[in-house]
Amino acid sequence: MLNNIINFANYWWFRYLMVTELYVVEKWERVTIHVIFMVLFCVFWYFNYSVLLSVTGNIFGFGYTPIADILPAVSHGAGVKVT
């Protein structure tokens, strides 16, 4: 069963490399591209979570609770100076 899962993952990884044409670049270039994509994904996720979720919650009246309200140890605006 584990062999089937590994074969399935290898098949889809191979398809991903073929579709994105990353099979033609060197390994260090492939790793660099994956790191850049992961950083971009994390930045977009953070923006969606912090900005878009609160905006849509205010527009549509959802009960959005910021994570800072859930964690009392986190002070509001810590390290942020607004002038």
PDB file of N, CA and C in Angstrom:
ATOM      1  N   MET A   1       0.818  -1.189   0.000  1.00  0.00           N
ATOM      2  CA  MET A   1       0.000   0.000   0.000  1.00  0.00           C
ATOM      3  C   MET A   1       0.868   1.261   0.000  1.00  0.00           C
ATOM      4  N   LEU A   2       1.931   1.249   0.792  1.00  0.00           N
ATOM      5  CA  LEU A   2       2.833   2.392   0.826  1.00  0.00           C
ATOM      6  C   LEU A   2       3.502   2.587  -0.527  1.00  0.00           C
ATOM      7  N   ASN A   3       3.815   1.496  -1.188  1.00  0.00           N
ATOM      8  CA  ASN A   3       4.416   1.578  -2.523  1.00  0.00           C
ATOM      9  C   ASN A   3       3.456   2.231  -3.520  1.00  0.00           C
ATOM     10  N   ASN A   4       2.157   1.932  -3.400  1.00  0.00           N
ATOM     11  CA  ASN A   4       1.169   2.558  -4.287  1.00  0.00           C
ATOM     12  C   ASN A   4       1.082   4.061  -4.040  1.00  0.00           C
ATOM     13  N   ILE A   5       1.140   4.480  -2.790  1.00  0.00           N
ATOM     14  CA  ILE A   5       1.086   5.907  -2.463  1.00  0.00           C
ATOM     15  C   ILE A   5       2.319   6.619  -3.004  1.00  0.00           C
ATOM     16  N   ILE A   6       3.476   5.996  -2.861  1.00  0.00           N
ATOM     17  CA  ILE A   6       4.715   6.591  -3.369  1.00  0.00           C
ATOM     18  C   ILE A   6       4.674   6.688  -4.893  1.00  0.00           C
ATOM     19  N   ASN A   7       4.195   5.641  -5.550  1.00  0.00           N
ATOM     20  CA  ASN A   7       4.066   5.678  -7.012  1.00  0.00           C
ATOM     21  C   ASN A   7       3.079   6.759  -7.458  1.00  0.00           C
ATOM     22  N   PHE A   8       1.981   6.918  -6.747  1.00  0.00           N
ATOM     23  CA  PHE A   8       0.993   7.946  -7.059  1.00  0.00           C
ATOM     24  C   PHE A   8       1.605   9.343  -6.918  1.00  0.00           C
ATOM     25  N   ALA A   9       2.331   9.584  -5.821  1.00  0.00           N
ATOM     26  CA  ALA A   9       2.968  10.885  -5.600  1.00  0.00           C
ATOM     27  C   ALA A   9       4.040  11.150  -6.658  1.00  0.00           C
ATOM     28  N   ASN A  10       4.827  10.143  -6.994  1.00  0.00           N
ATOM     29  CA  ASN A  10       5.850  10.307  -8.031  1.00  0.00           C
ATOM     30  C   ASN A  10       5.239  10.610  -9.394  1.00  0.00           C
ATOM     31  N   TYR A  11       4.127   9.972  -9.693  1.00  0.00           N
ATOM     32  CA  TYR A  11       3.446  10.213 -10.964  1.00  0.00           C
ATOM     33  C   TYR A  11       2.975  11.661 -11.056  1.00  0.00           C
ATOM     34  N   TRP A  12       2.314  12.144 -10.004  1.00  0.00           N
ATOM     35  CA  TRP A  12       1.817  13.516 -10.040  1.00  0.00           C
ATOM     36  C   TRP A  12       2.950  14.519  -9.965  1.00  0.00           C
ATOM     37  N   TRP A  13       4.040  14.224  -9.274  1.00  0.00           N
ATOM     38  CA  TRP A  13       5.203  15.125  -9.262  1.00  0.00           C
ATOM     39  C   TRP A  13       5.810  15.214 -10.665  1.00  0.00           C
ATOM     40  N   PHE A  14       5.910  14.068 -11.330  1.00  0.00           N
ATOM     41  CA  PHE A  14       6.424  14.039 -12.700  1.00  0.00           C
ATOM     42  C   PHE A  14       5.517  14.860 -13.631  1.00  0.00           C
ATOM     43  N   ARG A  15       4.199  14.708 -13.511  1.00  0.00           N
ATOM     44  CA  ARG A  15       3.261  15.486 -14.328  1.00  0.00           C
ATOM     45  C   ARG A  15       3.405  16.972 -14.063  1.00  0.00           C
ATOM     46  N   TYR A  16       3.567  17.341 -12.782  1.00  0.00           N
ATOM     47  CA  TYR A  16       3.746  18.743 -12.417  1.00  0.00           C
ATOM     48  C   TYR A  16       5.008  19.305 -13.064  1.00  0.00           C
ATOM     49  N   LEU A  17       6.104  18.556 -13.003  1.00  0.00           N
ATOM     50  CA  LEU A  17       7.348  19.020 -13.619  1.00  0.00           C
ATOM     51  C   LEU A  17       7.216  19.128 -15.132  1.00  0.00           C
ATOM     52  N   MET A  18       6.480  18.226 -15.756  1.00  0.00           N
ATOM     53  CA  MET A  18       6.301  18.272 -17.200  1.00  0.00           C
ATOM     54  C   MET A  18       5.416  19.448 -17.617  1.00  0.00           C
ATOM     55  N   VAL A  19       4.346  19.684 -16.897  1.00  0.00           N
ATOM     56  CA  VAL A  19       3.416  20.752 -17.260  1.00  0.00           C
ATOM     57  C   VAL A  19       4.062  22.120 -17.058  1.00  0.00           C
ATOM     58  N   THR A  20       4.790  22.289 -15.961  1.00  0.00           N
ATOM     59  CA  THR A  20       5.429  23.578 -15.688  1.00  0.00           C
ATOM     60  C   THR A  20       6.768  23.721 -16.398  1.00  0.00           C
ATOM     61  N   GLU A  21       7.203  22.666 -17.049  1.00  0.00           N
ATOM     62  CA  GLU A  21       8.483  22.622 -17.763  1.00  0.00           C
ATOM     63  C   GLU A  21       9.679  22.854 -16.845  1.00  0.00           C
ATOM     64  N   LEU A  22       9.529  22.477 -15.583  1.00  0.00           N
ATOM     65  CA  LEU A  22      10.643  22.602 -14.646  1.00  0.00           C
ATOM     66  C   LEU A  22      11.621  21.434 -14.753  1.00  0.00           C
ATOM     67  N   TYR A  23      11.285  20.435 -15.552  1.00  0.00           N
ATOM     68  CA  TYR A  23      12.197  19.307 -15.713  1.00  0.00           C
ATOM     69  C   TYR A  23      13.438  19.695 -16.506  1.00  0.00           C
ATOM     70  N   VAL A  24      13.397  20.815 -17.226  1.00  0.00           N
ATOM     71  CA  VAL A  24      14.518  21.198 -18.071  1.00  0.00           C
ATOM     72  C   VAL A  24      15.548  22.055 -17.334  1.00  0.00           C
ATOM     73  N   VAL A  25      15.213  22.545 -16.137  1.00  0.00           N
ATOM     74  CA  VAL A  25      16.150  23.396 -15.409  1.00  0.00           C
ATOM     75  C   VAL A  25      16.966  22.545 -14.446  1.00  0.00           C
ATOM     76  N   GLU A  26      18.047  23.123 -13.969  1.00  0.00           N
ATOM     77  CA  GLU A  26      18.889  22.392 -13.022  1.00  0.00           C
ATOM     78  C   GLU A  26      18.209  22.335 -11.666  1.00  0.00           C
ATOM     79  N   LYS A  27      18.726  21.449 -10.808  1.00  0.00           N
ATOM     80  CA  LYS A  27      18.094  21.228  -9.515  1.00  0.00           C
ATOM     81  C   LYS A  27      18.097  22.491  -8.662  1.00  0.00           C
ATOM     82  N   TRP A  28      19.190  23.250  -8.643  1.00  0.00           N
ATOM     83  CA  TRP A  28      19.248  24.445  -7.807  1.00  0.00           C
ATOM     84  C   TRP A  28      18.265  25.501  -8.309  1.00  0.00           C
ATOM     85  N   GLU A  29      18.051  25.556  -9.621  1.00  0.00           N
ATOM     86  CA  GLU A  29      17.073  26.499 -10.171  1.00  0.00           C
ATOM     87  C   GLU A  29      15.649  26.079  -9.799  1.00  0.00           C
ATOM     88  N   ARG A  30      15.383  24.790  -9.843  1.00  0.00           N
ATOM     89  CA  ARG A  30      14.070  24.268  -9.474  1.00  0.00           C
ATOM     90  C   ARG A  30      13.768  24.555  -8.009  1.00  0.00           C
ATOM     91  N   VAL A  31      14.759  24.347  -7.138  1.00  0.00           N
ATOM     92  CA  VAL A  31      14.571  24.620  -5.709  1.00  0.00           C
ATOM     93  C   VAL A  31      14.335  26.111  -5.488  1.00  0.00           C
ATOM     94  N   THR A  32      15.087  26.953  -6.180  1.00  0.00           N
ATOM     95  CA  THR A  32      14.919  28.400  -6.047  1.00  0.00           C
ATOM     96  C   THR A  32      13.518  28.822  -6.476  1.00  0.00           C
ATOM     97  N   ILE A  33      13.030  28.291  -7.570  1.00  0.00           N
ATOM     98  CA  ILE A  33      11.687  28.627  -8.050  1.00  0.00           C
ATOM     99  C   ILE A  33      10.634  28.163  -7.058  1.00  0.00           C
ATOM    100  N   HIS A  34      10.804  26.970  -6.496  1.00  0.00           N
ATOM    101  CA  HIS A  34       9.841  26.480  -5.508  1.00  0.00           C
ATOM    102  C   HIS A  34       9.850  27.337  -4.243  1.00  0.00           C
ATOM    103  N   VAL A  35      11.022  27.782  -3.815  1.00  0.00           N
ATOM    104  CA  VAL A  35      11.099  28.647  -2.629  1.00  0.00           C
ATOM    105  C   VAL A  35      10.413  29.980  -2.906  1.00  0.00           C
ATOM    106  N   ILE A  36      10.644  30.549  -4.074  1.00  0.00           N
ATOM    107  CA  ILE A  36      10.001  31.817  -4.428  1.00  0.00           C
ATOM    108  C   ILE A  36       8.485  31.644  -4.467  1.00  0.00           C
ATOM    109  N   PHE A  37       8.006  30.562  -5.067  1.00  0.00           N
ATOM    110  CA  PHE A  37       6.560  30.320  -5.107  1.00  0.00           C
ATOM    111  C   PHE A  37       5.991  30.144  -3.699  1.00  0.00           C
ATOM    112  N   MET A  38       6.726  29.464  -2.825  1.00  0.00           N
ATOM    113  CA  MET A  38       6.238  29.257  -1.462  1.00  0.00           C
ATOM    114  C   MET A  38       6.178  30.581  -0.702  1.00  0.00           C
ATOM    115  N   VAL A  39       7.176  31.433  -0.876  1.00  0.00           N
ATOM    116  CA  VAL A  39       7.169  32.747  -0.224  1.00  0.00           C
ATOM    117  C   VAL A  39       5.999  33.582  -0.747  1.00  0.00           C
ATOM    118  N   LEU A  40       5.791  33.594  -2.054  1.00  0.00           N
ATOM    119  CA  LEU A  40       4.665  34.332  -2.619  1.00  0.00           C
ATOM    120  C   LEU A  40       3.332  33.789  -2.112  1.00  0.00           C
ATOM    121  N   PHE A  41       3.208  32.480  -2.032  1.00  0.00           N
ATOM    122  CA  PHE A  41       1.988  31.878  -1.516  1.00  0.00           C
ATOM    123  C   PHE A  41       1.742  32.317  -0.082  1.00  0.00           C
ATOM    124  N   CYS A  42       2.777  32.324   0.749  1.00  0.00           N
ATOM    125  CA  CYS A  42       2.624  32.732   2.148  1.00  0.00           C
ATOM    126  C   CYS A  42       2.261  34.212   2.266  1.00  0.00           C
ATOM    127  N   VAL A  43       2.860  35.050   1.431  1.00  0.00           N
ATOM    128  CA  VAL A  43       2.528  36.479   1.451  1.00  0.00           C
ATOM    129  C   VAL A  43       1.075  36.687   1.033  1.00  0.00           C
ATOM    130  N   PHE A  44       0.627  36.019  -0.021  1.00  0.00           N
ATOM    131  CA  PHE A  44      -0.759  36.147  -0.452  1.00  0.00           C
ATOM    132  C   PHE A  44      -1.715  35.596   0.597  1.00  0.00           C
ATOM    133  N   TRP A  45      -1.366  34.478   1.226  1.00  0.00           N
ATOM    134  CA  TRP A  45      -2.220  33.915   2.277  1.00  0.00           C
ATOM    135  C   TRP A  45      -2.342  34.892   3.437  1.00  0.00           C
ATOM    136  N   TYR A  46      -1.234  35.485   3.854  1.00  0.00           N
ATOM    137  CA  TYR A  46      -1.280  36.438   4.963  1.00  0.00           C
ATOM    138  C   TYR A  46      -2.127  37.657   4.598  1.00  0.00           C
ATOM    139  N   PHE A  47      -1.970  38.172   3.394  1.00  0.00           N
ATOM    140  CA  PHE A  47      -2.772  39.317   2.953  1.00  0.00           C
ATOM    141  C   PHE A  47      -4.253  38.958   2.950  1.00  0.00           C
ATOM    142  N   ASN A  48      -4.602  37.805   2.405  1.00  0.00           N
ATOM    143  CA  ASN A  48      -6.001  37.389   2.372  1.00  0.00           C
ATOM    144  C   ASN A  48      -6.550  37.207   3.776  1.00  0.00           C
ATOM    145  N   TYR A  49      -5.745  36.630   4.657  1.00  0.00           N
ATOM    146  CA  TYR A  49      -6.204  36.383   6.019  1.00  0.00           C
ATOM    147  C   TYR A  49      -6.347  37.681   6.793  1.00  0.00           C
ATOM    148  N   SER A  50      -5.385  38.573   6.706  1.00  0.00           N
ATOM    149  CA  SER A  50      -5.396  39.766   7.543  1.00  0.00           C
ATOM    150  C   SER A  50      -6.221  40.901   6.957  1.00  0.00           C
ATOM    151  N   VAL A  51      -6.217  41.087   5.656  1.00  0.00           N
ATOM    152  CA  VAL A  51      -6.900  42.230   5.056  1.00  0.00           C
ATOM    153  C   VAL A  51      -8.255  41.833   4.480  1.00  0.00           C
ATOM    154  N   LEU A  52      -8.269  40.927   3.541  1.00  0.00           N
ATOM    155  CA  LEU A  52      -9.514  40.615   2.848  1.00  0.00           C
ATOM    156  C   LEU A  52     -10.555  39.972   3.748  1.00  0.00           C
ATOM    157  N   LEU A  53     -10.127  39.134   4.686  1.00  0.00           N
ATOM    158  CA  LEU A  53     -11.080  38.495   5.578  1.00  0.00           C
ATOM    159  C   LEU A  53     -11.760  39.518   6.477  1.00  0.00           C
ATOM    160  N   SER A  54     -11.008  40.491   6.992  1.00  0.00           N
ATOM    161  CA  SER A  54     -11.621  41.502   7.847  1.00  0.00           C
ATOM    162  C   SER A  54     -12.513  42.447   7.047  1.00  0.00           C
ATOM    163  N   VAL A  55     -12.101  42.786   5.821  1.00  0.00           N
ATOM    164  CA  VAL A  55     -12.916  43.681   4.982  1.00  0.00           C
ATOM    165  C   VAL A  55     -14.234  43.005   4.611  1.00  0.00           C
ATOM    166  N   THR A  56     -14.178  41.778   4.151  1.00  0.00           N
ATOM    167  CA  THR A  56     -15.417  41.088   3.787  1.00  0.00           C
ATOM    168  C   THR A  56     -16.270  40.814   5.016  1.00  0.00           C
ATOM    169  N   GLY A  57     -15.640  40.595   6.162  1.00  0.00           N
ATOM    170  CA  GLY A  57     -16.411  40.418   7.387  1.00  0.00           C
ATOM    171  C   GLY A  57     -17.158  41.679   7.768  1.00  0.00           C
ATOM    172  N   ASN A  58     -16.531  42.830   7.584  1.00  0.00           N
ATOM    173  CA  ASN A  58     -17.204  44.091   7.886  1.00  0.00           C
ATOM    174  C   ASN A  58     -18.294  44.414   6.871  1.00  0.00           C
ATOM    175  N   ILE A  59     -18.061  44.073   5.605  1.00  0.00           N
ATOM    176  CA  ILE A  59     -19.053  44.368   4.571  1.00  0.00           C
ATOM    177  C   ILE A  59     -20.297  43.502   4.737  1.00  0.00           C
ATOM    178  N   PHE A  60     -20.097  42.213   4.923  1.00  0.00           N
ATOM    179  CA  PHE A  60     -21.216  41.287   4.981  1.00  0.00           C
ATOM    180  C   PHE A  60     -21.702  41.004   6.391  1.00  0.00           C
ATOM    181  N   GLY A  61     -21.038  41.554   7.401  1.00  0.00           N
ATOM    182  CA  GLY A  61     -21.488  41.391   8.775  1.00  0.00           C
ATOM    183  C   GLY A  61     -21.191  40.035   9.383  1.00  0.00           C
ATOM    184  N   PHE A  62     -20.165  39.371   8.903  1.00  0.00           N
ATOM    185  CA  PHE A  62     -19.787  38.095   9.496  1.00  0.00           C
ATOM    186  C   PHE A  62     -19.155  38.338  10.859  1.00  0.00           C
ATOM    187  N   GLY A  63     -19.177  37.339  11.677  1.00  0.00           N
ATOM    188  CA  GLY A  63     -18.588  37.455  13.008  1.00  0.00           C
ATOM    189  C   GLY A  63     -17.105  37.141  12.989  1.00  0.00           C
ATOM    190  N   TYR A  64     -16.321  37.933  12.288  1.00  0.00           N
ATOM    191  CA  TYR A  64     -14.881  37.708  12.193  1.00  0.00           C
ATOM    192  C   TYR A  64     -14.213  38.179  13.466  1.00  0.00           C
ATOM    193  N   THR A  65     -13.425  37.312  14.085  1.00  0.00           N
ATOM    194  CA  THR A  65     -12.675  37.658  15.279  1.00  0.00           C
ATOM    195  C   THR A  65     -11.194  37.623  14.941  1.00  0.00           C
ATOM    196  N   PRO A  66     -10.496  38.753  15.060  1.00  0.00           N
ATOM    197  CA  PRO A  66      -9.059  38.749  14.778  1.00  0.00           C
ATOM    198  C   PRO A  66      -8.315  37.824  15.729  1.00  0.00           C
ATOM    199  N   ILE A  67      -7.217  37.287  15.265  1.00  0.00           N
ATOM    200  CA  ILE A  67      -6.433  36.354  16.066  1.00  0.00           C
ATOM    201  C   ILE A  67      -5.868  37.039  17.308  1.00  0.00           C
ATOM    202  N   ALA A  68      -5.649  38.348  17.255  1.00  0.00           N
ATOM    203  CA  ALA A  68      -5.122  39.074  18.407  1.00  0.00           C
ATOM    204  C   ALA A  68      -6.136  39.107  19.546  1.00  0.00           C
ATOM    205  N   ASP A  69      -7.423  39.053  19.234  1.00  0.00           N
ATOM    206  CA  ASP A  69      -8.438  39.011  20.284  1.00  0.00           C
ATOM    207  C   ASP A  69      -8.522  37.635  20.925  1.00  0.00           C
ATOM    208  N   ILE A  70      -8.163  36.618  20.186  1.00  0.00           N
ATOM    209  CA  ILE A  70      -8.224  35.260  20.711  1.00  0.00           C
ATOM    210  C   ILE A  70      -7.022  34.989  21.622  1.00  0.00           C
ATOM    211  N   LEU A  71      -5.849  35.500  21.248  1.00  0.00           N
ATOM    212  CA  LEU A  71      -4.635  35.304  22.029  1.00  0.00           C
ATOM    213  C   LEU A  71      -4.392  36.532  22.900  1.00  0.00           C
ATOM    214  N   PRO A  72      -4.644  36.441  24.202  1.00  0.00           N
ATOM    215  CA  PRO A  72      -4.514  37.626  25.040  1.00  0.00           C
ATOM    216  C   PRO A  72      -3.073  38.082  25.238  1.00  0.00           C
ATOM    217  N   ALA A  73      -2.091  37.208  25.011  1.00  0.00           N
ATOM    218  CA  ALA A  73      -0.690  37.575  25.204  1.00  0.00           C
ATOM    219  C   ALA A  73      -0.195  38.502  24.092  1.00  0.00           C
ATOM    220  N   VAL A  74      -0.906  38.559  22.989  1.00  0.00           N
ATOM    221  CA  VAL A  74      -0.499  39.398  21.864  1.00  0.00           C
ATOM    222  C   VAL A  74      -1.113  40.778  22.067  1.00  0.00           C
ATOM    223  N   SER A  75      -0.268  41.792  22.150  1.00  0.00           N
ATOM    224  CA  SER A  75      -0.788  43.145  22.315  1.00  0.00           C
ATOM    225  C   SER A  75      -1.149  43.719  20.951  1.00  0.00           C
ATOM    226  N   HIS A  76      -2.171  44.535  20.924  1.00  0.00           N
ATOM    227  CA  HIS A  76      -2.632  45.132  19.679  1.00  0.00           C
ATOM    228  C   HIS A  76      -1.629  46.176  19.220  1.00  0.00           C
ATOM    229  N   GLY A  77      -1.202  46.075  17.972  1.00  0.00           N
ATOM    230  CA  GLY A  77      -0.294  47.059  17.399  1.00  0.00           C
ATOM    231  C   GLY A  77       1.107  46.991  17.957  1.00  0.00           C
ATOM    232  N   ALA A  78       1.530  45.839  18.431  1.00  0.00           N
ATOM    233  CA  ALA A  78       2.876  45.718  18.993  1.00  0.00           C
ATOM    234  C   ALA A  78       3.892  45.916  17.899  1.00  0.00           C
ATOM    235  N   GLY A  79       4.735  46.904  18.086  1.00  0.00           N
ATOM    236  CA  GLY A  79       5.790  47.176  17.121  1.00  0.00           C
ATOM    237  C   GLY A  79       5.345  47.937  15.900  1.00  0.00           C
ATOM    238  N   VAL A  80       4.100  48.403  15.891  1.00  0.00           N
ATOM    239  CA  VAL A  80       3.607  49.148  14.745  1.00  0.00           C
ATOM    240  C   VAL A  80       3.412  50.591  15.170  1.00  0.00           C
ATOM    241  N   LYS A  81       4.048  51.485  14.463  1.00  0.00           N
ATOM    242  CA  LYS A  81       3.928  52.915  14.769  1.00  0.00           C
ATOM    243  C   LYS A  81       3.212  53.583  13.623  1.00  0.00           C
ATOM    244  N   VAL A  82       2.077  54.156  13.934  1.00  0.00           N
ATOM    245  CA  VAL A  82       1.281  54.834  12.922  1.00  0.00           C
ATOM    246  C   VAL A  82       1.407  56.332  13.159  1.00  0.00           C
ATOM    247  N   THR A  83       1.837  57.048  12.126  1.00  0.00           N
ATOM    248  CA  THR A  83       1.977  58.499  12.282  1.00  0.00           C
ATOM    249  C   THR A  83       0.997  59.223  11.418  1.00  0.00           C
TER     250      THR A  83
END
